[in-house]
């Protein structure tokens, strides 16, 4: 039988998470679920969600530790030290949320994109625009250099998302490479991993593999994701640590440039089209406004703000405190 004791003017049960920990777990589950949902939508980046919800630096640190420091310690036989380095309290709820969304919503998302694409794009257009609006507050002032970086991020991303789709037959090497490229895009706010799969001509094949639980294809794809994350997370982490505001300015530009991929009015081939001024136009504006306002609500609720308390490792906390603008 569990004992009850006082904690911060309330009671909790020994063996159960404390109230603050329960709130953190719930927020990370919700964040992971949102990231998984975003990964299913071509043009929407889970990196945008991580950036918006304020766990971006924590995520990069965790990826860096799991893909470099931990394997090196394991090879040296230092298993206990390696185990202690992994921020399980962060990665487990985040991972559960992502996996639940990806496998639980894949068929629903496919259905909505086939039957209600206009309204799906409208909502996410507002979400991404609202995210850029909220994240701008994390800048430590604007300079000419940062404005130029924002413009460069916008132009480069807009160019990438408007590239024509490759027509390539699936192969093990392409599946592996697609996983690496998609993972790098996945953690970069603004550039969607799903969109990169579309441009590589692999999106439908990977979605079919998820739906049918094709473990061979998914395993190869997962290896590519791990390799891509291991390489790119270290670079982004270093840039954020040494050029924080400059990187944020660039990433805001990347997010704004990605709006070209989720422009609500699109042709059957995915190219942008002119707005259609009928009753659906009102619905598009309403859903875009809903997406924008939802981000503001998440900010007020304390979800869409920077969180550096989820990863308690001392080296991570030192890294955050010593980052440069």
Protein backbone atom coordinates (compact mmCIF):
# COMPACT_ATOMS: atom_id res chain seq x y z
CA UNK A 1 0.00 0.00 0.00
CA UNK A 2 1.37 3.42 -0.95
CA UNK A 3 2.11 6.06 1.69
CA UNK A 4 0.83 9.62 1.35
CA UNK A 5 2.99 12.61 2.24
CA UNK A 6 2.85 16.37 1.90
CA UNK A 7 4.43 18.06 -1.10
CA UNK A 8 4.10 21.74 -1.97
CA UNK A 9 0.83 22.20 -0.05
CA UNK A 10 -0.72 19.12 -1.67
CA UNK A 11 -0.46 15.35 -1.35
CA UNK A 12 1.01 12.80 -3.68
CA UNK A 13 1.51 9.07 -3.57
CA UNK A 14 5.00 7.67 -3.16
CA UNK A 15 5.83 5.70 -6.28
CA UNK A 16 3.81 8.06 -8.46
CA UNK A 17 5.15 11.18 -10.26
CA UNK A 18 4.99 14.39 -8.25
CA UNK A 19 2.48 17.01 -9.45
CA UNK A 20 5.14 19.04 -11.30
CA UNK A 21 6.53 15.87 -12.91
CA UNK A 22 3.06 14.75 -13.99
CA UNK A 23 2.50 18.12 -15.68
CA UNK A 24 5.84 17.81 -17.46
CA UNK A 25 5.07 14.27 -18.65
CA UNK A 26 1.67 15.36 -19.93
CA UNK A 27 3.19 18.31 -21.79
CA UNK A 28 5.87 16.10 -23.38
CA UNK A 29 3.27 13.48 -24.41
CA UNK A 30 1.22 16.25 -26.05
CA UNK A 31 4.33 17.70 -27.70
CA UNK A 32 5.36 14.29 -29.04
CA UNK A 33 1.86 13.63 -30.33
CA UNK A 34 1.82 17.01 -32.10
CA UNK A 35 5.24 16.31 -33.63
CA UNK A 36 4.15 12.88 -34.87
CA UNK A 37 0.99 14.37 -36.39
CA UNK A 38 3.06 17.08 -38.11
CA UNK A 39 5.42 14.47 -39.57
CA UNK A 40 2.51 12.93 -41.46
CA UNK A 41 1.65 16.19 -43.24
CA UNK A 42 3.85 17.04 -46.26
CA UNK A 43 4.99 20.63 -45.79
CA UNK A 44 4.66 20.70 -42.00
CA UNK A 45 7.81 20.11 -39.94
CA UNK A 46 7.91 18.39 -36.56
CA UNK A 47 10.94 20.61 -35.96
CA UNK A 48 8.55 23.57 -36.14
CA UNK A 49 6.47 21.98 -33.37
CA UNK A 50 9.55 21.26 -31.24
CA UNK A 51 10.74 24.82 -31.79
CA UNK A 52 7.32 26.30 -30.98
CA UNK A 53 6.84 24.17 -27.85
CA UNK A 54 10.28 25.20 -26.60
CA UNK A 55 11.99 21.79 -26.47
CA UNK A 56 14.19 22.27 -29.52
CA UNK A 57 17.52 22.63 -27.74
CA UNK A 58 16.64 19.78 -25.37
CA UNK A 59 15.80 17.59 -28.35
CA UNK A 60 19.08 18.38 -30.12
CA UNK A 61 21.05 17.68 -26.94
CA UNK A 62 19.26 14.35 -26.42
CA UNK A 63 19.87 13.25 -30.02
CA UNK A 64 23.53 14.28 -29.73
CA UNK A 65 23.99 12.28 -26.51
CA UNK A 66 22.15 9.17 -27.70
CA UNK A 67 23.88 9.01 -31.09
CA UNK A 68 27.45 9.82 -30.02
CA UNK A 69 28.34 9.90 -26.32
CA UNK A 70 26.24 6.90 -25.26
CA UNK A 71 27.47 4.51 -28.02
CA UNK A 72 31.10 5.42 -27.26
CA UNK A 73 30.61 4.63 -23.56
CA UNK A 74 28.89 1.35 -24.43
CA UNK A 75 31.82 0.34 -26.63
CA UNK A 76 34.13 0.98 -23.68
CA UNK A 77 31.96 -1.21 -21.45
CA UNK A 78 30.85 1.70 -19.25
CA UNK A 79 27.19 0.64 -19.27
CA UNK A 80 26.03 2.30 -16.06
CA UNK A 81 27.52 5.67 -17.01
CA UNK A 82 25.96 5.43 -20.48
CA UNK A 83 22.57 4.53 -18.97
CA UNK A 84 22.69 7.53 -16.61
CA UNK A 85 23.38 9.95 -19.46
CA UNK A 86 20.14 9.15 -21.31
CA UNK A 87 17.37 11.62 -20.31
CA UNK A 88 14.63 8.97 -20.10
CA UNK A 89 12.20 11.37 -18.44
CA UNK A 90 12.35 13.50 -21.59
CA UNK A 91 12.69 11.02 -24.43
CA UNK A 92 10.20 8.34 -23.29
CA UNK A 93 7.02 10.50 -23.09
CA UNK A 94 8.07 12.42 -26.21
CA UNK A 95 8.67 9.17 -28.11
CA UNK A 96 5.41 7.58 -26.93
CA UNK A 97 3.48 10.64 -28.12
CA UNK A 98 5.18 10.60 -31.54
CA UNK A 99 4.74 6.86 -32.15
CA UNK A 100 1.09 7.01 -31.04
CA UNK A 101 0.36 9.82 -33.51
CA UNK A 102 2.25 8.32 -36.45
CA UNK A 103 0.70 4.85 -36.25
CA UNK A 104 -2.66 5.98 -34.87
CA UNK A 105 -3.36 8.82 -37.31
CA UNK A 106 -1.70 7.68 -40.53
CA UNK A 107 -4.95 6.46 -42.13
CA UNK A 108 -6.93 9.49 -40.94
CA UNK A 109 -4.34 11.91 -42.30
CA UNK A 110 -4.26 10.09 -45.66
CA UNK A 111 -8.06 10.31 -45.83
CA UNK A 112 -8.14 14.03 -44.95
CA UNK A 113 -5.43 14.89 -47.47
CA UNK A 114 -7.37 13.06 -50.17
CA UNK A 115 -10.81 14.52 -49.36
CA UNK A 116 -10.29 17.78 -47.41
CA UNK A 117 -6.82 18.96 -48.48
CA UNK A 118 -7.87 22.62 -48.82
CA UNK A 119 -8.99 22.80 -45.21
CA UNK A 120 -6.00 20.82 -43.87
CA UNK A 121 -3.53 23.17 -45.61
CA UNK A 122 -5.48 26.22 -44.39
CA UNK A 123 -5.25 25.16 -40.74
CA UNK A 124 -1.56 24.38 -40.91
CA UNK A 125 -0.86 27.58 -42.84
CA UNK A 126 -2.23 29.51 -39.86
CA UNK A 127 -0.32 27.30 -37.40
CA UNK A 128 3.04 27.85 -39.09
CA UNK A 129 2.43 31.60 -39.51
CA UNK A 130 1.44 31.86 -35.85
CA UNK A 131 4.51 29.87 -34.84
CA UNK A 132 6.82 32.31 -36.63
CA UNK A 133 4.99 35.21 -34.95
CA UNK A 134 5.41 33.73 -31.46
CA UNK A 135 8.99 32.54 -31.90
CA UNK A 136 10.16 36.01 -32.99
CA UNK A 137 9.88 37.00 -29.30
CA UNK A 138 12.82 34.70 -28.51
CA UNK A 139 15.10 36.99 -30.49
CA UNK A 140 17.39 39.23 -28.46
CA UNK A 141 16.80 42.22 -30.72
CA UNK A 142 16.93 42.65 -34.49
CA UNK A 143 19.99 43.70 -36.48
CA UNK A 144 20.66 44.09 -40.20
CA UNK A 145 22.60 40.80 -40.14
CA UNK A 146 19.70 38.91 -38.57
CA UNK A 147 17.21 40.43 -41.01
CA UNK A 148 19.43 39.29 -43.90
CA UNK A 149 19.66 35.79 -42.41
CA UNK A 150 15.86 35.67 -42.13
CA UNK A 151 15.57 36.69 -45.80
CA UNK A 152 18.13 34.09 -46.85
CA UNK A 153 16.33 31.37 -44.88
CA UNK A 154 13.05 32.35 -46.50
CA UNK A 155 14.43 32.41 -50.05
CA UNK A 156 16.32 29.10 -49.79
CA UNK A 157 13.39 27.26 -48.22
CA UNK A 158 10.87 28.64 -50.70
CA UNK A 159 13.12 27.46 -53.52
CA UNK A 160 13.44 23.95 -52.01
CA UNK A 161 9.72 23.44 -51.35
CA UNK A 162 8.80 24.46 -54.90
CA UNK A 163 11.19 22.00 -56.59
CA UNK A 164 9.57 19.39 -58.87
CA UNK A 165 9.07 15.85 -57.55
CA UNK A 166 11.61 13.22 -58.59
CA UNK A 167 10.30 10.13 -60.31
CA UNK A 168 12.55 7.44 -58.86
CA UNK A 169 11.85 3.75 -58.26
CA UNK A 170 12.20 2.65 -54.66
CA UNK A 171 15.37 0.77 -53.70
CA UNK A 172 17.09 -0.14 -50.39
CA UNK A 173 19.75 2.55 -50.92
CA UNK A 174 17.15 5.20 -51.76
CA UNK A 175 15.05 4.21 -48.72
CA UNK A 176 18.13 4.57 -46.50
CA UNK A 177 19.08 7.90 -48.06
CA UNK A 178 15.50 9.15 -47.89
CA UNK A 179 15.44 8.41 -44.15
CA UNK A 180 18.65 10.43 -43.62
CA UNK A 181 17.44 13.41 -45.68
CA UNK A 182 13.96 13.34 -44.14
CA UNK A 183 15.36 13.22 -40.60
CA UNK A 184 17.57 16.26 -41.22
CA UNK A 185 14.54 18.12 -42.57
CA UNK A 186 12.39 16.77 -39.73
CA UNK A 187 14.40 18.50 -37.00
CA UNK A 188 14.87 21.69 -39.00
CA UNK A 189 11.92 24.01 -38.29
CA UNK A 190 10.11 24.85 -41.50
CA UNK A 191 11.35 22.12 -43.84
CA UNK A 192 9.11 19.08 -43.61
CA UNK A 193 10.53 15.56 -43.58
CA UNK A 194 7.36 14.38 -45.30
CA UNK A 195 7.76 17.03 -47.99
CA UNK A 196 11.32 15.87 -48.65
CA UNK A 197 9.96 12.34 -49.11
CA UNK A 198 7.44 13.73 -51.60
CA UNK A 199 10.21 15.52 -53.52
CA UNK A 200 12.24 12.29 -53.53
CA UNK A 201 9.20 10.34 -54.76
CA UNK A 202 9.18 8.14 -51.63
CA UNK A 203 6.28 9.53 -49.57
CA UNK A 204 3.57 7.11 -50.73
CA UNK A 205 5.87 4.12 -50.31
CA UNK A 206 6.81 5.02 -46.72
CA UNK A 207 3.18 5.76 -45.77
CA UNK A 208 2.18 2.38 -47.25
CA UNK A 209 4.97 0.70 -45.24
CA UNK A 210 3.65 2.31 -42.03
CA UNK A 211 0.07 1.29 -42.80
CA UNK A 212 1.04 -2.32 -43.59
CA UNK A 213 3.79 -2.56 -40.93
CA UNK A 214 6.42 -3.47 -43.54
CA UNK A 215 9.21 -3.95 -40.98
CA UNK A 216 11.98 -4.45 -43.54
CA UNK A 217 11.32 -1.10 -45.23
CA UNK A 218 10.66 0.68 -41.94
CA UNK A 219 13.85 -0.75 -40.41
CA UNK A 220 15.99 0.48 -43.28
CA UNK A 221 14.26 3.85 -43.19
CA UNK A 222 14.86 4.05 -39.41
CA UNK A 223 18.60 3.42 -39.87
CA UNK A 224 18.71 6.31 -42.35
CA UNK A 225 16.88 8.53 -39.83
CA UNK A 226 19.40 7.70 -37.09
CA UNK A 227 22.37 8.45 -39.36
CA UNK A 228 20.85 11.76 -40.47
CA UNK A 229 20.01 12.82 -36.92
CA UNK A 230 23.47 11.92 -35.63
CA UNK A 231 25.16 14.15 -38.20
CA UNK A 232 22.80 17.12 -38.29
CA UNK A 233 21.85 17.48 -34.60
CA UNK A 234 25.46 18.15 -33.59
CA UNK A 235 25.79 20.94 -36.16
CA UNK A 236 22.51 22.60 -35.16
CA UNK A 237 23.34 22.28 -31.46
CA UNK A 238 26.72 23.97 -31.98
CA UNK A 239 25.16 26.78 -34.02
CA UNK A 240 22.45 27.44 -31.41
CA UNK A 241 25.04 27.51 -28.64
CA UNK A 242 27.38 29.93 -30.39
CA UNK A 243 25.00 32.02 -32.55
CA UNK A 244 21.63 31.72 -30.81
CA UNK A 245 19.74 34.77 -32.12
CA UNK A 246 21.25 34.50 -35.60
CA UNK A 247 20.07 30.89 -35.84
CA UNK A 248 16.58 31.78 -34.60
CA UNK A 249 16.34 34.56 -37.20
CA UNK A 250 17.35 32.11 -39.94
CA UNK A 251 14.89 29.47 -38.71
CA UNK A 252 12.04 31.99 -38.65
CA UNK A 253 12.86 32.69 -42.30
CA UNK A 254 12.88 28.95 -43.01
CA UNK A 255 9.45 28.61 -41.40
CA UNK A 256 8.03 31.50 -43.44
CA UNK A 257 9.54 30.05 -46.62
CA UNK A 258 7.85 26.71 -45.91
CA UNK A 259 4.46 28.40 -46.27
CA UNK A 260 4.95 27.96 -50.02
CA UNK A 261 4.53 24.21 -49.52
CA UNK A 262 1.26 24.50 -47.58
CA UNK A 263 -0.42 27.25 -49.58
CA UNK A 264 -4.09 26.19 -49.33
CA UNK A 265 -4.93 26.44 -53.03
CA UNK A 266 -2.97 23.84 -54.98
CA UNK A 267 -3.34 22.09 -58.31
CA UNK A 268 -3.60 18.30 -58.60
CA UNK A 269 0.16 18.22 -59.17
CA UNK A 270 0.86 20.15 -55.96
CA UNK A 271 1.67 23.51 -57.59
CA UNK A 272 0.34 26.74 -56.06
CA UNK A 273 -2.86 28.11 -57.58
CA UNK A 274 -4.73 31.40 -57.29
CA UNK A 275 -7.35 31.71 -54.51
CA UNK A 276 -10.91 30.77 -55.39
CA UNK A 277 -13.36 33.38 -54.11
CA UNK A 278 -16.40 31.32 -53.17
CA UNK A 279 -17.86 30.03 -49.89
CA UNK A 280 -14.77 27.89 -49.33
CA UNK A 281 -12.67 31.08 -49.22
CA UNK A 282 -14.39 32.09 -45.97
CA UNK A 283 -13.71 28.64 -44.53
CA UNK A 284 -10.04 28.87 -45.54
CA UNK A 285 -9.61 32.24 -43.83
CA UNK A 286 -11.47 31.00 -40.74
CA UNK A 287 -9.33 27.86 -40.40
CA UNK A 288 -6.10 29.79 -40.98
CA UNK A 289 -7.16 32.27 -38.30
CA UNK A 290 -8.02 29.34 -36.00
CA UNK A 291 -4.53 27.88 -36.50
CA UNK A 292 -2.91 31.25 -35.79
CA UNK A 293 -4.98 31.87 -32.64
CA UNK A 294 -4.38 28.31 -31.41
CA UNK A 295 -0.65 29.04 -31.30
CA UNK A 296 -1.31 32.17 -29.23
CA UNK A 297 -3.45 30.11 -26.83
CA UNK A 298 -0.67 27.53 -26.50
CA UNK A 299 1.73 30.36 -25.70
CA UNK A 300 -0.59 31.72 -23.00
CA UNK A 301 -0.99 28.21 -21.56
CA UNK A 302 2.77 27.97 -21.10
CA UNK A 303 3.21 25.24 -23.71
CA UNK A 304 4.56 27.38 -26.55
CA UNK A 305 7.51 28.80 -24.65
CA UNK A 306 11.13 27.78 -24.15
CA UNK A 307 11.59 24.88 -21.73
CA UNK A 308 15.04 24.03 -20.45
CA UNK A 309 13.99 22.13 -17.34
CA UNK A 310 13.11 18.78 -18.96
CA UNK A 311 16.74 17.69 -19.33
CA UNK A 312 18.48 18.01 -15.98
CA UNK A 313 21.99 16.94 -17.07
CA UNK A 314 24.57 19.39 -15.70
CA UNK A 315 26.44 19.71 -19.00
CA UNK A 316 23.20 20.61 -20.79
CA UNK A 317 22.33 23.25 -18.19
CA UNK A 318 25.85 24.71 -18.51
CA UNK A 319 25.44 24.71 -22.30
CA UNK A 320 22.18 26.70 -22.07
CA UNK A 321 23.61 29.25 -19.63
CA UNK A 322 26.74 29.83 -21.72
CA UNK A 323 25.10 30.17 -25.15
CA UNK A 324 26.01 33.27 -27.13
CA UNK A 325 23.90 35.60 -29.21
